[in-house]
N, C-alpha and C. Protein backbone atom coordinates (compact mmCIF):
# COMPACT_ATOMS: atom_id res chain seq x y z
N UNK A 1 85.27 76.33 110.26
CA UNK A 1 85.05 75.72 108.92
C UNK A 1 84.06 74.61 109.04
N UNK A 2 83.25 74.50 108.03
CA UNK A 2 82.24 73.42 108.02
C UNK A 2 82.84 72.28 107.17
N UNK A 3 82.14 71.16 107.17
CA UNK A 3 82.55 70.10 106.33
C UNK A 3 82.60 70.33 104.85
N UNK A 4 81.81 71.34 104.37
CA UNK A 4 81.89 71.75 102.99
C UNK A 4 82.62 73.00 102.70
N UNK A 5 83.41 73.46 103.67
CA UNK A 5 84.18 74.69 103.36
C UNK A 5 85.11 74.56 102.22
N UNK A 6 85.21 75.63 101.46
CA UNK A 6 86.22 75.52 100.28
C UNK A 6 87.56 75.53 100.75
N UNK A 7 88.44 74.78 100.03
CA UNK A 7 89.81 74.61 100.38
C UNK A 7 90.76 75.62 99.50
N UNK A 8 90.17 76.46 98.76
CA UNK A 8 90.89 77.42 97.97
C UNK A 8 90.86 77.09 96.52
N UNK A 9 91.26 78.07 95.76
CA UNK A 9 91.39 77.91 94.21
C UNK A 9 92.70 77.24 93.95
N UNK A 10 92.68 76.00 93.41
CA UNK A 10 93.92 75.32 93.13
C UNK A 10 93.96 74.92 91.72
N UNK A 11 92.87 75.13 90.92
CA UNK A 11 92.67 74.78 89.52
C UNK A 11 92.11 75.88 88.71
N UNK A 12 92.75 76.22 87.60
CA UNK A 12 92.21 77.17 86.71
C UNK A 12 92.27 76.67 85.33
N UNK A 13 91.12 76.61 84.60
CA UNK A 13 91.07 76.14 83.28
C UNK A 13 90.92 77.21 82.34
N UNK A 14 91.64 77.26 81.19
CA UNK A 14 91.59 78.24 80.20
C UNK A 14 91.17 77.69 78.83
N UNK A 15 90.12 78.22 78.29
CA UNK A 15 89.76 77.82 76.98
C UNK A 15 90.79 78.36 75.91
N UNK A 16 91.19 77.56 75.04
CA UNK A 16 92.04 78.02 74.03
C UNK A 16 91.69 77.53 72.57
N UNK A 17 92.06 78.34 71.59
CA UNK A 17 91.68 78.10 70.25
C UNK A 17 92.73 77.31 69.54
N UNK A 18 94.01 77.38 69.84
CA UNK A 18 95.01 76.57 69.30
C UNK A 18 95.84 76.03 70.40
N UNK A 19 95.71 74.69 70.71
CA UNK A 19 96.27 74.03 71.82
C UNK A 19 97.76 74.07 71.73
N UNK A 20 98.34 73.90 70.57
CA UNK A 20 99.83 73.83 70.40
C UNK A 20 100.41 75.15 70.71
N UNK A 21 99.89 76.19 70.16
CA UNK A 21 100.40 77.58 70.47
C UNK A 21 100.25 77.98 71.96
N UNK A 22 99.01 77.67 72.50
CA UNK A 22 98.85 77.91 73.88
C UNK A 22 99.75 77.14 74.81
N UNK A 23 100.05 75.89 74.51
CA UNK A 23 100.87 75.11 75.29
C UNK A 23 102.30 75.68 75.38
N UNK A 24 102.76 76.17 74.24
CA UNK A 24 104.04 76.85 74.23
C UNK A 24 104.12 78.07 75.20
N UNK A 25 103.07 78.92 75.08
CA UNK A 25 103.03 80.16 75.90
C UNK A 25 102.95 79.87 77.36
N UNK A 26 102.10 78.80 77.77
CA UNK A 26 101.99 78.57 79.15
C UNK A 26 103.22 77.86 79.72
N UNK A 27 103.91 77.04 78.86
CA UNK A 27 105.08 76.37 79.36
C UNK A 27 106.14 77.47 79.59
N UNK A 28 106.20 78.48 78.68
CA UNK A 28 107.16 79.57 78.91
C UNK A 28 106.85 80.41 80.14
N UNK A 29 105.52 80.62 80.33
CA UNK A 29 105.06 81.39 81.53
C UNK A 29 105.38 80.63 82.83
N UNK A 30 105.07 79.30 82.86
CA UNK A 30 105.13 78.61 84.15
C UNK A 30 106.58 78.00 84.33
N UNK A 31 107.30 77.86 83.28
CA UNK A 31 108.69 77.34 83.43
C UNK A 31 108.75 75.85 83.59
N UNK A 32 107.67 75.20 83.21
CA UNK A 32 107.64 73.70 83.22
C UNK A 32 106.92 73.15 82.00
N UNK A 33 107.12 71.94 81.69
CA UNK A 33 106.42 71.26 80.66
C UNK A 33 105.12 70.64 81.23
N UNK A 34 104.13 70.41 80.39
CA UNK A 34 102.90 69.89 80.90
C UNK A 34 102.96 68.44 81.47
N UNK A 35 102.25 68.16 82.45
CA UNK A 35 102.13 66.75 83.04
C UNK A 35 101.25 65.98 82.19
N UNK A 36 100.08 66.62 81.78
CA UNK A 36 99.10 65.94 80.99
C UNK A 36 99.22 66.64 79.60
N UNK A 37 99.35 65.81 78.56
CA UNK A 37 99.48 66.47 77.21
C UNK A 37 98.71 65.59 76.18
N UNK A 38 97.50 65.95 76.02
CA UNK A 38 96.60 65.21 75.07
C UNK A 38 95.92 66.17 74.12
N UNK A 39 95.30 65.60 73.06
CA UNK A 39 94.72 66.40 72.10
C UNK A 39 93.45 67.17 72.75
N UNK A 40 92.82 66.70 73.74
CA UNK A 40 91.67 67.20 74.38
C UNK A 40 91.89 68.03 75.65
N UNK A 41 93.22 67.98 76.11
CA UNK A 41 93.55 68.75 77.35
C UNK A 41 95.02 68.76 77.62
N UNK A 42 95.49 69.84 78.05
CA UNK A 42 96.94 69.95 78.50
C UNK A 42 96.95 70.54 79.88
N UNK A 43 97.57 69.89 80.81
CA UNK A 43 97.61 70.29 82.14
C UNK A 43 98.99 70.49 82.79
N UNK A 44 99.13 71.64 83.43
CA UNK A 44 100.49 71.89 84.15
C UNK A 44 100.24 71.91 85.62
N UNK A 45 101.28 71.40 86.33
CA UNK A 45 101.32 71.45 87.87
C UNK A 45 102.45 72.38 88.26
N UNK A 46 102.15 73.47 88.95
CA UNK A 46 103.19 74.34 89.38
C UNK A 46 102.79 75.05 90.70
N UNK A 47 103.73 75.13 91.64
CA UNK A 47 103.43 75.84 92.88
C UNK A 47 102.15 75.42 93.53
N UNK A 48 101.74 74.16 93.45
CA UNK A 48 100.61 73.61 94.20
C UNK A 48 99.29 73.98 93.41
N UNK A 49 99.36 74.46 92.27
CA UNK A 49 98.19 74.75 91.37
C UNK A 49 98.27 73.94 90.12
N UNK A 50 97.05 73.70 89.65
CA UNK A 50 96.86 73.05 88.29
C UNK A 50 96.34 74.06 87.30
N UNK A 51 97.04 74.24 86.23
CA UNK A 51 96.65 75.14 85.07
C UNK A 51 96.34 74.23 83.93
N UNK A 52 95.07 74.26 83.43
CA UNK A 52 94.63 73.45 82.33
C UNK A 52 94.27 74.22 81.12
N UNK A 53 94.58 73.63 80.00
CA UNK A 53 94.18 74.30 78.69
C UNK A 53 93.16 73.40 77.95
N UNK A 54 92.02 73.98 77.67
CA UNK A 54 90.95 73.17 77.14
C UNK A 54 90.63 73.70 75.71
N UNK A 55 90.86 72.92 74.66
CA UNK A 55 90.70 73.36 73.35
C UNK A 55 89.22 73.61 73.03
N UNK A 56 89.02 74.81 72.46
CA UNK A 56 87.59 75.14 72.12
C UNK A 56 86.65 75.31 73.24
N UNK A 57 87.11 75.39 74.38
CA UNK A 57 86.31 75.46 75.61
C UNK A 57 85.70 74.18 76.13
N UNK A 58 86.14 73.07 75.46
CA UNK A 58 85.64 71.78 75.79
C UNK A 58 84.06 71.58 75.69
N UNK A 59 83.65 70.40 76.16
CA UNK A 59 82.20 70.14 76.05
C UNK A 59 81.34 71.08 76.84
N UNK A 60 82.05 71.80 77.96
CA UNK A 60 81.26 72.72 78.75
C UNK A 60 81.04 74.10 78.05
N UNK A 61 81.81 74.28 76.91
CA UNK A 61 81.71 75.46 76.16
C UNK A 61 82.24 76.77 76.84
N UNK A 62 83.31 76.56 77.55
CA UNK A 62 83.93 77.80 78.34
C UNK A 62 84.28 78.77 77.32
N UNK A 63 84.05 80.05 77.69
CA UNK A 63 84.40 81.12 76.89
C UNK A 63 85.44 82.10 77.54
N UNK A 64 85.69 81.80 78.82
CA UNK A 64 86.64 82.58 79.64
C UNK A 64 87.29 81.63 80.66
N UNK A 65 88.42 82.01 81.25
CA UNK A 65 88.99 81.08 82.27
C UNK A 65 88.02 80.85 83.40
N UNK A 66 88.04 79.64 84.03
CA UNK A 66 87.23 79.27 85.09
C UNK A 66 88.08 78.84 86.28
N UNK A 67 87.98 79.46 87.47
CA UNK A 67 88.67 79.08 88.63
C UNK A 67 87.88 78.05 89.30
N UNK A 68 88.53 76.91 89.75
CA UNK A 68 87.86 75.95 90.49
C UNK A 68 88.21 75.87 91.90
N UNK A 69 87.27 76.00 92.73
CA UNK A 69 87.39 76.00 94.20
C UNK A 69 87.33 74.46 94.56
N UNK A 70 88.42 74.05 95.30
CA UNK A 70 88.44 72.68 95.75
C UNK A 70 87.57 72.55 97.03
N UNK A 71 86.69 71.59 97.07
CA UNK A 71 85.83 71.36 98.17
C UNK A 71 85.83 69.85 98.55
N UNK A 72 85.62 69.51 99.89
CA UNK A 72 85.56 68.16 100.32
C UNK A 72 84.26 67.38 99.90
N UNK A 73 83.22 68.16 99.80
CA UNK A 73 81.86 67.52 99.47
C UNK A 73 81.19 68.41 98.43
N UNK A 74 81.33 68.01 97.12
CA UNK A 74 80.79 68.88 96.06
C UNK A 74 79.28 68.97 96.09
N UNK A 75 78.52 67.90 96.42
CA UNK A 75 77.08 67.93 96.49
C UNK A 75 76.68 68.87 97.52
N UNK A 76 77.23 68.78 98.75
CA UNK A 76 76.87 69.70 99.83
C UNK A 76 77.14 71.20 99.48
N UNK A 77 78.28 71.45 98.75
CA UNK A 77 78.63 72.78 98.36
C UNK A 77 77.65 73.32 97.30
N UNK A 78 77.25 72.41 96.35
CA UNK A 78 76.23 72.79 95.38
C UNK A 78 74.92 73.10 96.05
N UNK A 79 74.48 72.37 97.05
CA UNK A 79 73.26 72.65 97.76
C UNK A 79 73.36 74.04 98.41
N UNK A 80 74.48 74.35 99.09
CA UNK A 80 74.62 75.55 99.75
C UNK A 80 74.57 76.72 98.76
N UNK A 81 75.31 76.58 97.67
CA UNK A 81 75.31 77.74 96.68
C UNK A 81 74.01 77.92 96.07
N UNK A 82 73.32 76.88 95.66
CA UNK A 82 71.90 77.12 95.05
C UNK A 82 71.02 77.72 96.04
N UNK A 83 71.09 77.27 97.38
CA UNK A 83 70.21 77.90 98.39
C UNK A 83 70.49 79.35 98.61
N UNK A 84 71.80 79.73 98.24
CA UNK A 84 72.20 81.14 98.44
C UNK A 84 71.87 81.98 97.12
N UNK A 85 71.42 81.27 96.08
CA UNK A 85 71.03 82.03 94.88
C UNK A 85 71.87 81.78 93.61
N UNK A 86 72.85 80.80 93.70
CA UNK A 86 73.59 80.44 92.45
C UNK A 86 72.71 79.57 91.65
N UNK A 87 73.05 79.39 90.36
CA UNK A 87 72.37 78.56 89.40
C UNK A 87 73.39 77.47 88.95
N UNK A 88 72.99 76.25 88.99
CA UNK A 88 73.80 75.17 88.47
C UNK A 88 73.94 75.28 87.00
N UNK A 89 75.16 75.42 86.47
CA UNK A 89 75.42 75.44 85.06
C UNK A 89 75.77 74.13 84.49
N UNK A 90 76.68 73.47 85.20
CA UNK A 90 77.14 72.04 84.92
C UNK A 90 76.99 71.18 86.11
N UNK A 91 76.15 70.26 86.21
CA UNK A 91 76.03 69.35 87.44
C UNK A 91 77.36 68.61 87.64
N UNK A 92 77.45 68.16 88.93
CA UNK A 92 78.65 67.36 89.31
C UNK A 92 78.79 66.10 88.46
N UNK A 93 79.97 65.83 87.98
CA UNK A 93 80.22 64.69 87.14
C UNK A 93 81.73 64.42 87.23
N UNK A 94 82.03 63.06 87.11
CA UNK A 94 83.41 62.60 87.15
C UNK A 94 84.12 62.97 85.76
N UNK A 95 85.31 63.50 85.95
CA UNK A 95 86.11 63.85 84.75
C UNK A 95 87.31 63.08 84.57
N UNK A 96 87.49 62.02 85.44
CA UNK A 96 88.60 61.08 85.33
C UNK A 96 89.43 61.09 86.60
N UNK A 97 90.02 59.97 86.91
CA UNK A 97 90.88 59.89 88.03
C UNK A 97 90.29 60.12 89.41
N UNK A 98 89.01 59.89 89.45
CA UNK A 98 88.28 60.19 90.74
C UNK A 98 87.97 61.63 90.99
N UNK A 99 88.22 62.48 90.07
CA UNK A 99 87.97 63.87 90.19
C UNK A 99 86.65 64.21 89.70
N UNK A 100 85.87 65.01 90.47
CA UNK A 100 84.47 65.39 90.22
C UNK A 100 84.41 66.92 90.07
N UNK A 101 83.81 67.43 89.06
CA UNK A 101 83.70 68.86 88.85
C UNK A 101 82.25 69.33 88.62
N UNK A 102 81.95 70.54 88.85
CA UNK A 102 80.67 71.19 88.58
C UNK A 102 80.92 72.62 88.45
N UNK A 103 79.99 73.37 87.84
CA UNK A 103 80.11 74.72 87.82
C UNK A 103 78.71 75.31 88.04
N UNK A 104 78.74 76.55 88.66
CA UNK A 104 77.51 77.33 88.97
C UNK A 104 77.71 78.77 88.51
N UNK A 105 76.67 79.49 88.29
CA UNK A 105 76.84 80.92 88.09
C UNK A 105 76.25 81.69 89.23
N UNK A 106 76.97 82.86 89.48
CA UNK A 106 76.43 83.71 90.55
C UNK A 106 75.31 84.57 89.96
N UNK A 107 74.67 85.34 90.78
CA UNK A 107 73.49 86.23 90.17
C UNK A 107 73.93 87.17 89.06
N UNK A 108 75.29 87.43 88.92
CA UNK A 108 75.69 88.31 87.80
C UNK A 108 76.17 87.55 86.58
N UNK A 109 76.07 86.17 86.60
CA UNK A 109 76.44 85.34 85.55
C UNK A 109 77.90 84.89 85.52
N UNK A 110 78.64 85.27 86.52
CA UNK A 110 80.02 84.81 86.69
C UNK A 110 80.03 83.26 86.97
N UNK A 111 80.95 82.61 86.25
CA UNK A 111 81.03 81.12 86.44
C UNK A 111 82.03 80.84 87.58
N UNK A 112 81.56 79.95 88.54
CA UNK A 112 82.36 79.45 89.61
C UNK A 112 82.56 77.99 89.45
N UNK A 113 83.74 77.48 89.50
CA UNK A 113 84.00 76.05 89.38
C UNK A 113 84.12 75.46 90.71
N UNK A 114 83.65 74.18 90.85
CA UNK A 114 83.85 73.36 92.08
C UNK A 114 84.59 72.12 91.67
N UNK A 115 85.54 71.68 92.53
CA UNK A 115 86.17 70.42 92.24
C UNK A 115 86.42 69.61 93.58
N UNK A 116 86.12 68.32 93.45
CA UNK A 116 86.29 67.38 94.51
C UNK A 116 87.16 66.27 94.07
N UNK A 117 88.28 66.01 94.80
CA UNK A 117 89.08 64.74 94.51
C UNK A 117 88.57 63.74 95.46
N UNK A 118 88.27 62.52 94.96
CA UNK A 118 87.70 61.49 95.69
C UNK A 118 88.83 60.49 96.05
């Protein structure tokens, strides 16, 4: 493993059109109530994973679920991915609580999320 090796998918964000309805469905699916429950984001923690609901796809305009690979050095991983042919869709930026995210697309347009906890 290198210093920028991925630590696995631990976060998946889902764009939703009706946050209230989606929250009920995901609470039933996961068997827990959300840990974060705001008008702009609902997040569940279960089995070592974070499942997030983003109304309207959020500012990033998500149209499908995005899996976030946790990495120790997001800038190093972005450099590796772009050198390998990925295109940065959303540059690294803090989203709160010391958490930094970014997204890239692979050559087929699939969105890959990156997440670093600082």
